[in-house]
Amino acid sequence: FTNGLTLDQNFPNPVSSFTEINFNVPHEDRVSLKVYDIFGRQVALLVEGKLQSGDYNTRFNASELPNGLYYYRLQTSDFNLTRKLLVQK
């Protein structure tokens, strides 16, 4: 149960340079979208702040990251969702 919060799989995946991440916030809330390596270290901050309800899209430049598996996490005050992202050049 995510209270309407959604986080889509990034596209394209695997990614070599840029990828799109879509998500929906069901009500006004403080939101963060961060990317982590497999060791749990944050490697990117994509969104941070209060958002109104609605659909959002962010473009992530993964070209500086080495090949490998990463995770991106959408977090609000009540819920969090995580998806896998594969960087392959």
C-alpha atoms as a PDB file:
ATOM      1  CA  PHE A   1       0.000   0.000   0.000  1.00  0.00           C
ATOM      2  CA  THR A   2       1.599   3.244  -1.158  1.00  0.00           C
ATOM      3  CA  ASN A   3      -1.292   5.698  -0.727  1.00  0.00           C
ATOM      4  CA  GLY A   4      -1.243   6.440  -4.487  1.00  0.00           C
ATOM      5  CA  LEU A   5       2.485   7.154  -4.727  1.00  0.00           C
ATOM      6  CA  THR A   6       3.932   5.641  -7.916  1.00  0.00           C
ATOM      7  CA  LEU A   7       7.434   5.271  -9.313  1.00  0.00           C
ATOM      8  CA  ASP A   8       7.838   3.945 -12.850  1.00  0.00           C
ATOM      9  CA  GLN A   9      10.750   1.942 -14.174  1.00  0.00           C
ATOM     10  CA  ASN A  10      13.285   4.243 -15.811  1.00  0.00           C
ATOM     11  CA  PHE A  11      13.472   4.267 -19.610  1.00  0.00           C
ATOM     12  CA  PRO A  12      15.673   3.250 -21.277  1.00  0.00           C
ATOM     13  CA  ASN A  13      17.016   0.584 -18.954  1.00  0.00           C
ATOM     14  CA  PRO A  14      19.829  -0.344 -19.255  1.00  0.00           C
ATOM     15  CA  VAL A  15      21.056   3.209 -19.700  1.00  0.00           C
ATOM     16  CA  SER A  16      24.307   4.454 -21.229  1.00  0.00           C
ATOM     17  CA  SER A  17      23.806   8.206 -20.849  1.00  0.00           C
ATOM     18  CA  PHE A  18      20.373   9.770 -20.180  1.00  0.00           C
ATOM     19  CA  THR A  19      17.302   8.095 -18.745  1.00  0.00           C
ATOM     20  CA  GLU A  20      13.807   9.295 -17.828  1.00  0.00           C
ATOM     21  CA  ILE A  21      12.138   8.586 -14.486  1.00  0.00           C
ATOM     22  CA  ASN A  22       8.399   9.225 -14.062  1.00  0.00           C
ATOM     23  CA  PHE A  23       6.582   9.338 -10.746  1.00  0.00           C
ATOM     24  CA  ASN A  24       3.299  10.490  -9.235  1.00  0.00           C
ATOM     25  CA  VAL A  25       2.737  12.262  -5.933  1.00  0.00           C
ATOM     26  CA  PRO A  26      -0.865  11.808  -4.692  1.00  0.00           C
ATOM     27  CA  HIS A  27      -0.904  14.851  -2.395  1.00  0.00           C
ATOM     28  CA  GLU A  28       1.338  17.775  -1.486  1.00  0.00           C
ATOM     29  CA  ASP A  29       4.336  16.386   0.372  1.00  0.00           C
ATOM     30  CA  ARG A  30       8.059  16.671   0.879  1.00  0.00           C
ATOM     31  CA  VAL A  31       9.632  14.427  -1.758  1.00  0.00           C
ATOM     32  CA  SER A  32      13.134  13.201  -2.517  1.00  0.00           C
ATOM     33  CA  LEU A  33      14.371  11.122  -5.433  1.00  0.00           C
ATOM     34  CA  LYS A  34      17.907   9.824  -4.992  1.00  0.00           C
ATOM     35  CA  VAL A  35      20.158   7.341  -6.770  1.00  0.00           C
ATOM     36  CA  TYR A  36      22.314   4.889  -4.799  1.00  0.00           C
ATOM     37  CA  ASP A  37      25.070   2.453  -5.720  1.00  0.00           C
ATOM     38  CA  ILE A  38      24.909  -1.190  -4.653  1.00  0.00           C
ATOM     39  CA  PHE A  39      26.687  -0.322  -1.396  1.00  0.00           C
ATOM     40  CA  GLY A  40      23.967   2.149  -0.405  1.00  0.00           C
ATOM     41  CA  ARG A  41      26.040   5.267  -1.093  1.00  0.00           C
ATOM     42  CA  GLN A  42      24.100   8.157  -2.602  1.00  0.00           C
ATOM     43  CA  VAL A  43      25.470   9.000  -6.055  1.00  0.00           C
ATOM     44  CA  ALA A  44      22.843  11.531  -7.210  1.00  0.00           C
ATOM     45  CA  LEU A  45      20.086  13.772  -5.874  1.00  0.00           C
ATOM     46  CA  LEU A  46      17.406  14.256  -8.536  1.00  0.00           C
ATOM     47  CA  VAL A  47      14.520  15.826  -6.589  1.00  0.00           C
ATOM     48  CA  GLU A  48      14.391  17.386  -3.125  1.00  0.00           C
ATOM     49  CA  GLY A  49      11.600  19.560  -1.795  1.00  0.00           C
ATOM     50  CA  LYS A  50       7.886  20.061  -1.408  1.00  0.00           C
ATOM     51  CA  LEU A  51       5.844  19.041  -4.464  1.00  0.00           C
ATOM     52  CA  GLN A  52       2.173  19.497  -5.280  1.00  0.00           C
ATOM     53  CA  SER A  53       0.105  16.450  -6.207  1.00  0.00           C
ATOM     54  CA  GLY A  54       0.603  15.359  -9.792  1.00  0.00           C
ATOM     55  CA  ASP A  55       2.720  13.542 -12.345  1.00  0.00           C
ATOM     56  CA  TYR A  56       6.419  14.332 -12.580  1.00  0.00           C
ATOM     57  CA  ASN A  57       9.265  13.440 -14.919  1.00  0.00           C
ATOM     58  CA  THR A  58      12.965  13.857 -14.313  1.00  0.00           C
ATOM     59  CA  ARG A  59      15.865  13.247 -16.650  1.00  0.00           C
ATOM     60  CA  PHE A  60      18.967  11.654 -15.142  1.00  0.00           C
ATOM     61  CA  ASN A  61      22.429  11.852 -16.691  1.00  0.00           C
ATOM     62  CA  ALA A  62      24.102   8.554 -15.805  1.00  0.00           C
ATOM     63  CA  SER A  63      27.031   9.010 -18.215  1.00  0.00           C
ATOM     64  CA  GLU A  64      29.491   9.750 -15.385  1.00  0.00           C
ATOM     65  CA  LEU A  65      28.634   6.575 -13.465  1.00  0.00           C
ATOM     66  CA  PRO A  66      30.617   3.370 -13.979  1.00  0.00           C
ATOM     67  CA  ASN A  67      28.835   0.314 -15.357  1.00  0.00           C
ATOM     68  CA  GLY A  68      26.777  -1.511 -12.767  1.00  0.00           C
ATOM     69  CA  LEU A  69      23.550  -1.839 -10.868  1.00  0.00           C
ATOM     70  CA  TYR A  70      22.070   1.179  -9.077  1.00  0.00           C
ATOM     71  CA  TYR A  71      18.886   1.867  -7.176  1.00  0.00           C
ATOM     72  CA  TYR A  72      16.698   4.942  -7.239  1.00  0.00           C
ATOM     73  CA  ARG A  73      14.396   5.721  -4.340  1.00  0.00           C
ATOM     74  CA  LEU A  74      11.382   8.001  -4.197  1.00  0.00           C
ATOM     75  CA  GLN A  75      10.662   8.998  -0.619  1.00  0.00           C
ATOM     76  CA  THR A  76       7.833  11.005   0.961  1.00  0.00           C
ATOM     77  CA  SER A  77       6.910  11.591   4.587  1.00  0.00           C
ATOM     78  CA  ASP A  78       4.877   8.354   4.612  1.00  0.00           C
ATOM     79  CA  PHE A  79       6.230   5.993   1.965  1.00  0.00           C
ATOM     80  CA  ASN A  80       9.191   5.086  -0.185  1.00  0.00           C
ATOM     81  CA  LEU A  81       9.523   3.139  -3.418  1.00  0.00           C
ATOM     82  CA  THR A  82      12.721   1.760  -4.937  1.00  0.00           C
ATOM     83  CA  ARG A  83      13.541   0.546  -8.453  1.00  0.00           C
ATOM     84  CA  LYS A  84      16.669  -0.863 -10.106  1.00  0.00           C
ATOM     85  CA  LEU A  85      18.647   0.988 -12.760  1.00  0.00           C
ATOM     86  CA  LEU A  86      21.385  -0.650 -14.836  1.00  0.00           C
ATOM     87  CA  VAL A  87      24.208   1.462 -16.298  1.00  0.00           C
ATOM     88  CA  GLN A  88      25.819  -0.246 -19.275  1.00  0.00           C
ATOM     89  CA  LYS A  89      28.029   1.562 -21.771  1.00  0.00           C
END
